[in-house]
């Protein structure tokens, strides 16, 4: 049941494209977030209520999901569509797990650095020096944003001494 060359793919094949599936999931998640946030006071742009930011993010996510699904439906699918690389998936998931384990035990800077170094292993294209520089810059930047900029009580380092 394959489509003949030169003909448009069937609707079933177009709906099974990863971009369509991912776009529909993002659209559904965005709409769900907006529905959940509707129970909170919105406020205004100047004095945001607790529902303002989740509604804004949910709306953006729904719009991006709709755009992704729509573009994936109507665009020509690339001929060399590859499957997801299990190495990349394992590296990213391992990096997230390392971040979750390191954050309370070692602090924000080591957790972000560990996340970046482990997740970069999934690419196979990152050089060790570039990976370490990226990890250091992102770790310091994260600490500056969350601790200094937002005032969140996230220590840079814990468990030392």
C-alpha atoms as a PDB file:
ATOM      1  CA  UNK A   1       0.000   0.000   0.000  1.00  0.00           C
ATOM      2  CA  UNK A   2       2.636   2.512  -0.923  1.00  0.00           C
ATOM      3  CA  UNK A   3       1.935   5.708  -2.756  1.00  0.00           C
ATOM      4  CA  UNK A   4       2.908   5.824  -6.399  1.00  0.00           C
ATOM      5  CA  UNK A   5       5.913   7.999  -7.278  1.00  0.00           C
ATOM      6  CA  UNK A   6       4.915  11.513  -8.246  1.00  0.00           C
ATOM      7  CA  UNK A   7       1.628  11.347  -6.372  1.00  0.00           C
ATOM      8  CA  UNK A   8       0.870  13.100  -3.130  1.00  0.00           C
ATOM      9  CA  UNK A   9       1.129  10.843  -0.079  1.00  0.00           C
ATOM     10  CA  UNK A  10      -2.109   9.596   1.405  1.00  0.00           C
ATOM     11  CA  UNK A  11      -3.697  11.430   4.306  1.00  0.00           C
ATOM     12  CA  UNK A  12      -2.869   8.497   6.582  1.00  0.00           C
ATOM     13  CA  UNK A  13       0.855   8.786   5.752  1.00  0.00           C
ATOM     14  CA  UNK A  14       0.840  12.546   6.200  1.00  0.00           C
ATOM     15  CA  UNK A  15      -0.866  12.246   9.593  1.00  0.00           C
ATOM     16  CA  UNK A  16       1.746   9.703  10.722  1.00  0.00           C
ATOM     17  CA  UNK A  17       4.654  12.100  10.161  1.00  0.00           C
ATOM     18  CA  UNK A  18       6.584  12.909  13.362  1.00  0.00           C
ATOM     19  CA  UNK A  19       6.060  16.652  12.914  1.00  0.00           C
ATOM     20  CA  UNK A  20       2.293  16.233  12.758  1.00  0.00           C
ATOM     21  CA  UNK A  21       2.197  13.958  15.785  1.00  0.00           C
ATOM     22  CA  UNK A  22       4.506  16.206  17.808  1.00  0.00           C
ATOM     23  CA  UNK A  23       2.622  19.320  16.743  1.00  0.00           C
ATOM     24  CA  UNK A  24      -0.732  17.875  17.762  1.00  0.00           C
ATOM     25  CA  UNK A  25       0.702  16.801  21.133  1.00  0.00           C
ATOM     26  CA  UNK A  26       2.153  20.290  21.708  1.00  0.00           C
ATOM     27  CA  UNK A  27      -1.163  21.856  20.685  1.00  0.00           C
ATOM     28  CA  UNK A  28      -3.079  19.612  23.098  1.00  0.00           C
ATOM     29  CA  UNK A  29      -0.650  20.288  25.953  1.00  0.00           C
ATOM     30  CA  UNK A  30      -0.801  24.038  25.347  1.00  0.00           C
ATOM     31  CA  UNK A  31      -4.602  24.022  25.360  1.00  0.00           C
ATOM     32  CA  UNK A  32      -4.624  21.928  28.533  1.00  0.00           C
ATOM     33  CA  UNK A  33      -2.258  24.371  30.270  1.00  0.00           C
ATOM     34  CA  UNK A  34      -4.467  27.271  29.232  1.00  0.00           C
ATOM     35  CA  UNK A  35      -7.572  25.475  30.536  1.00  0.00           C
ATOM     36  CA  UNK A  36      -5.877  24.764  33.880  1.00  0.00           C
ATOM     37  CA  UNK A  37      -4.656  28.357  34.175  1.00  0.00           C
ATOM     38  CA  UNK A  38      -8.159  29.707  33.521  1.00  0.00           C
ATOM     39  CA  UNK A  39      -9.046  28.989  37.152  1.00  0.00           C
ATOM     40  CA  UNK A  40      -6.497  31.563  38.374  1.00  0.00           C
ATOM     41  CA  UNK A  41      -6.727  35.350  38.315  1.00  0.00           C
ATOM     42  CA  UNK A  42      -5.191  36.788  35.151  1.00  0.00           C
ATOM     43  CA  UNK A  43      -4.302  40.291  36.243  1.00  0.00           C
ATOM     44  CA  UNK A  44      -2.731  42.550  33.620  1.00  0.00           C
ATOM     45  CA  UNK A  45       0.607  42.838  31.893  1.00  0.00           C
ATOM     46  CA  UNK A  46       1.684  45.370  34.508  1.00  0.00           C
ATOM     47  CA  UNK A  47       0.377  43.414  37.524  1.00  0.00           C
ATOM     48  CA  UNK A  48       0.346  39.789  36.497  1.00  0.00           C
ATOM     49  CA  UNK A  49      -1.840  37.373  38.381  1.00  0.00           C
ATOM     50  CA  UNK A  50      -0.980  33.720  38.959  1.00  0.00           C
ATOM     51  CA  UNK A  51      -2.768  32.660  35.761  1.00  0.00           C
ATOM     52  CA  UNK A  52      -1.154  35.180  33.411  1.00  0.00           C
ATOM     53  CA  UNK A  53       2.169  33.507  32.667  1.00  0.00           C
ATOM     54  CA  UNK A  54       0.856  29.918  32.366  1.00  0.00           C
ATOM     55  CA  UNK A  55      -1.860  31.151  29.994  1.00  0.00           C
ATOM     56  CA  UNK A  56       0.708  33.009  27.925  1.00  0.00           C
ATOM     57  CA  UNK A  57       3.038  29.995  27.731  1.00  0.00           C
ATOM     58  CA  UNK A  58       0.156  27.624  26.992  1.00  0.00           C
ATOM     59  CA  UNK A  59      -1.008  29.900  24.185  1.00  0.00           C
ATOM     60  CA  UNK A  60       2.478  30.047  22.673  1.00  0.00           C
ATOM     61  CA  UNK A  61       2.842  26.290  22.932  1.00  0.00           C
ATOM     62  CA  UNK A  62      -0.545  25.714  21.303  1.00  0.00           C
ATOM     63  CA  UNK A  63       0.284  28.147  18.492  1.00  0.00           C
ATOM     64  CA  UNK A  64       3.682  26.555  17.878  1.00  0.00           C
ATOM     65  CA  UNK A  65       2.132  23.080  17.928  1.00  0.00           C
ATOM     66  CA  UNK A  66      -0.523  24.119  15.416  1.00  0.00           C
ATOM     67  CA  UNK A  67       2.126  25.673  13.176  1.00  0.00           C
ATOM     68  CA  UNK A  68       4.333  22.573  13.359  1.00  0.00           C
ATOM     69  CA  UNK A  69       1.447  20.216  12.625  1.00  0.00           C
ATOM     70  CA  UNK A  70       0.187  22.374   9.765  1.00  0.00           C
ATOM     71  CA  UNK A  71       3.581  22.762   8.136  1.00  0.00           C
ATOM     72  CA  UNK A  72       4.322  19.054   8.500  1.00  0.00           C
ATOM     73  CA  UNK A  73       0.994  18.151   6.908  1.00  0.00           C
ATOM     74  CA  UNK A  74       1.402  20.281   3.814  1.00  0.00           C
ATOM     75  CA  UNK A  75       5.150  20.197   3.236  1.00  0.00           C
ATOM     76  CA  UNK A  76       6.932  17.558   1.239  1.00  0.00           C
ATOM     77  CA  UNK A  77       8.457  14.963   3.577  1.00  0.00           C
ATOM     78  CA  UNK A  78      12.246  14.669   3.299  1.00  0.00           C
ATOM     79  CA  UNK A  79      13.360  11.570   1.429  1.00  0.00           C
ATOM     80  CA  UNK A  80      15.962  10.593   4.015  1.00  0.00           C
ATOM     81  CA  UNK A  81      13.802  10.616   7.124  1.00  0.00           C
ATOM     82  CA  UNK A  82      15.862   8.986   9.871  1.00  0.00           C
ATOM     83  CA  UNK A  83      14.722   7.429  13.074  1.00  0.00           C
ATOM     84  CA  UNK A  84      15.659   8.966  16.398  1.00  0.00           C
ATOM     85  CA  UNK A  85      19.187   8.155  17.512  1.00  0.00           C
ATOM     86  CA  UNK A  86      19.022   6.018  20.662  1.00  0.00           C
ATOM     87  CA  UNK A  87      22.422   7.329  21.754  1.00  0.00           C
ATOM     88  CA  UNK A  88      21.143  10.913  21.726  1.00  0.00           C
ATOM     89  CA  UNK A  89      17.967   9.966  23.567  1.00  0.00           C
ATOM     90  CA  UNK A  90      19.906   8.082  26.239  1.00  0.00           C
ATOM     91  CA  UNK A  91      22.402  10.935  26.641  1.00  0.00           C
ATOM     92  CA  UNK A  92      19.720  13.605  27.064  1.00  0.00           C
ATOM     93  CA  UNK A  93      17.677  11.521  29.505  1.00  0.00           C
ATOM     94  CA  UNK A  94      20.835  10.654  31.463  1.00  0.00           C
ATOM     95  CA  UNK A  95      21.784  14.327  31.588  1.00  0.00           C
ATOM     96  CA  UNK A  96      18.371  15.253  32.980  1.00  0.00           C
ATOM     97  CA  UNK A  97      18.615  12.480  35.584  1.00  0.00           C
ATOM     98  CA  UNK A  98      22.096  13.662  36.570  1.00  0.00           C
ATOM     99  CA  UNK A  99      20.795  17.211  36.951  1.00  0.00           C
ATOM    100  CA  UNK A 100      17.968  16.017  39.210  1.00  0.00           C
ATOM    101  CA  UNK A 101      20.395  14.020  41.355  1.00  0.00           C
ATOM    102  CA  UNK A 102      23.150  16.646  41.502  1.00  0.00           C
ATOM    103  CA  UNK A 103      21.058  19.765  42.181  1.00  0.00           C
ATOM    104  CA  UNK A 104      20.236  19.054  45.855  1.00  0.00           C
ATOM    105  CA  UNK A 105      23.551  17.320  46.558  1.00  0.00           C
ATOM    106  CA  UNK A 106      26.128  19.453  44.734  1.00  0.00           C
ATOM    107  CA  UNK A 107      24.406  22.730  43.838  1.00  0.00           C
ATOM    108  CA  UNK A 108      23.292  24.494  40.670  1.00  0.00           C
ATOM    109  CA  UNK A 109      26.687  24.993  39.002  1.00  0.00           C
ATOM    110  CA  UNK A 110      27.777  21.315  39.101  1.00  0.00           C
ATOM    111  CA  UNK A 111      24.252  20.152  38.187  1.00  0.00           C
ATOM    112  CA  UNK A 112      24.079  22.325  35.054  1.00  0.00           C
ATOM    113  CA  UNK A 113      27.659  21.455  34.100  1.00  0.00           C
ATOM    114  CA  UNK A 114      26.918  17.748  34.502  1.00  0.00           C
ATOM    115  CA  UNK A 115      23.745  18.041  32.448  1.00  0.00           C
ATOM    116  CA  UNK A 116      25.570  19.746  29.582  1.00  0.00           C
ATOM    117  CA  UNK A 117      28.575  17.398  29.580  1.00  0.00           C
ATOM    118  CA  UNK A 118      26.436  14.242  29.665  1.00  0.00           C
ATOM    119  CA  UNK A 119      23.848  15.460  27.121  1.00  0.00           C
ATOM    120  CA  UNK A 120      26.611  16.565  24.728  1.00  0.00           C
ATOM    121  CA  UNK A 121      27.762  12.949  24.475  1.00  0.00           C
ATOM    122  CA  UNK A 122      24.664  12.180  22.424  1.00  0.00           C
ATOM    123  CA  UNK A 123      25.838  14.303  19.528  1.00  0.00           C
ATOM    124  CA  UNK A 124      29.200  12.781  18.828  1.00  0.00           C
ATOM    125  CA  UNK A 125      30.156  16.082  17.188  1.00  0.00           C
ATOM    126  CA  UNK A 126      31.107  18.117  20.259  1.00  0.00           C
ATOM    127  CA  UNK A 127      34.819  18.333  21.034  1.00  0.00           C
ATOM    128  CA  UNK A 128      35.770  17.867  24.703  1.00  0.00           C
ATOM    129  CA  UNK A 129      37.180  21.392  25.051  1.00  0.00           C
ATOM    130  CA  UNK A 130      34.113  23.004  23.501  1.00  0.00           C
ATOM    131  CA  UNK A 131      31.854  20.883  25.712  1.00  0.00           C
ATOM    132  CA  UNK A 132      33.665  21.999  28.878  1.00  0.00           C
ATOM    133  CA  UNK A 133      33.569  25.661  27.849  1.00  0.00           C
ATOM    134  CA  UNK A 134      29.849  25.400  27.054  1.00  0.00           C
ATOM    135  CA  UNK A 135      29.185  23.644  30.361  1.00  0.00           C
ATOM    136  CA  UNK A 136      31.065  26.308  32.325  1.00  0.00           C
ATOM    137  CA  UNK A 137      29.391  29.232  30.580  1.00  0.00           C
ATOM    138  CA  UNK A 138      25.887  27.771  30.917  1.00  0.00           C
ATOM    139  CA  UNK A 139      26.460  26.837  34.569  1.00  0.00           C
ATOM    140  CA  UNK A 140      27.602  30.346  35.525  1.00  0.00           C
ATOM    141  CA  UNK A 141      24.884  31.952  33.398  1.00  0.00           C
ATOM    142  CA  UNK A 142      22.211  29.755  35.023  1.00  0.00           C
ATOM    143  CA  UNK A 143      23.436  30.640  38.492  1.00  0.00           C
ATOM    144  CA  UNK A 144      23.464  34.337  37.601  1.00  0.00           C
ATOM    145  CA  UNK A 145      19.942  34.256  36.192  1.00  0.00           C
ATOM    146  CA  UNK A 146      18.292  32.147  38.883  1.00  0.00           C
ATOM    147  CA  UNK A 147      20.205  33.278  41.963  1.00  0.00           C
ATOM    148  CA  UNK A 148      21.157  36.875  41.251  1.00  0.00           C
ATOM    149  CA  UNK A 149      18.492  37.865  38.737  1.00  0.00           C
ATOM    150  CA  UNK A 150      15.443  36.069  40.127  1.00  0.00           C
ATOM    151  CA  UNK A 151      16.611  35.705  43.713  1.00  0.00           C
ATOM    152  CA  UNK A 152      15.817  31.984  43.927  1.00  0.00           C
ATOM    153  CA  UNK A 153      17.472  30.201  46.850  1.00  0.00           C
ATOM    154  CA  UNK A 154      19.660  27.953  44.696  1.00  0.00           C
ATOM    155  CA  UNK A 155      23.190  27.690  46.058  1.00  0.00           C
ATOM    156  CA  UNK A 156      25.990  27.537  43.504  1.00  0.00           C
ATOM    157  CA  UNK A 157      27.702  24.723  45.411  1.00  0.00           C
ATOM    158  CA  UNK A 158      26.530  22.541  48.311  1.00  0.00           C
ATOM    159  CA  UNK A 159      27.954  19.593  50.185  1.00  0.00           C
ATOM    160  CA  UNK A 160      31.498  20.918  50.037  1.00  0.00           C
ATOM    161  CA  UNK A 161      33.522  20.894  53.210  1.00  0.00           C
END
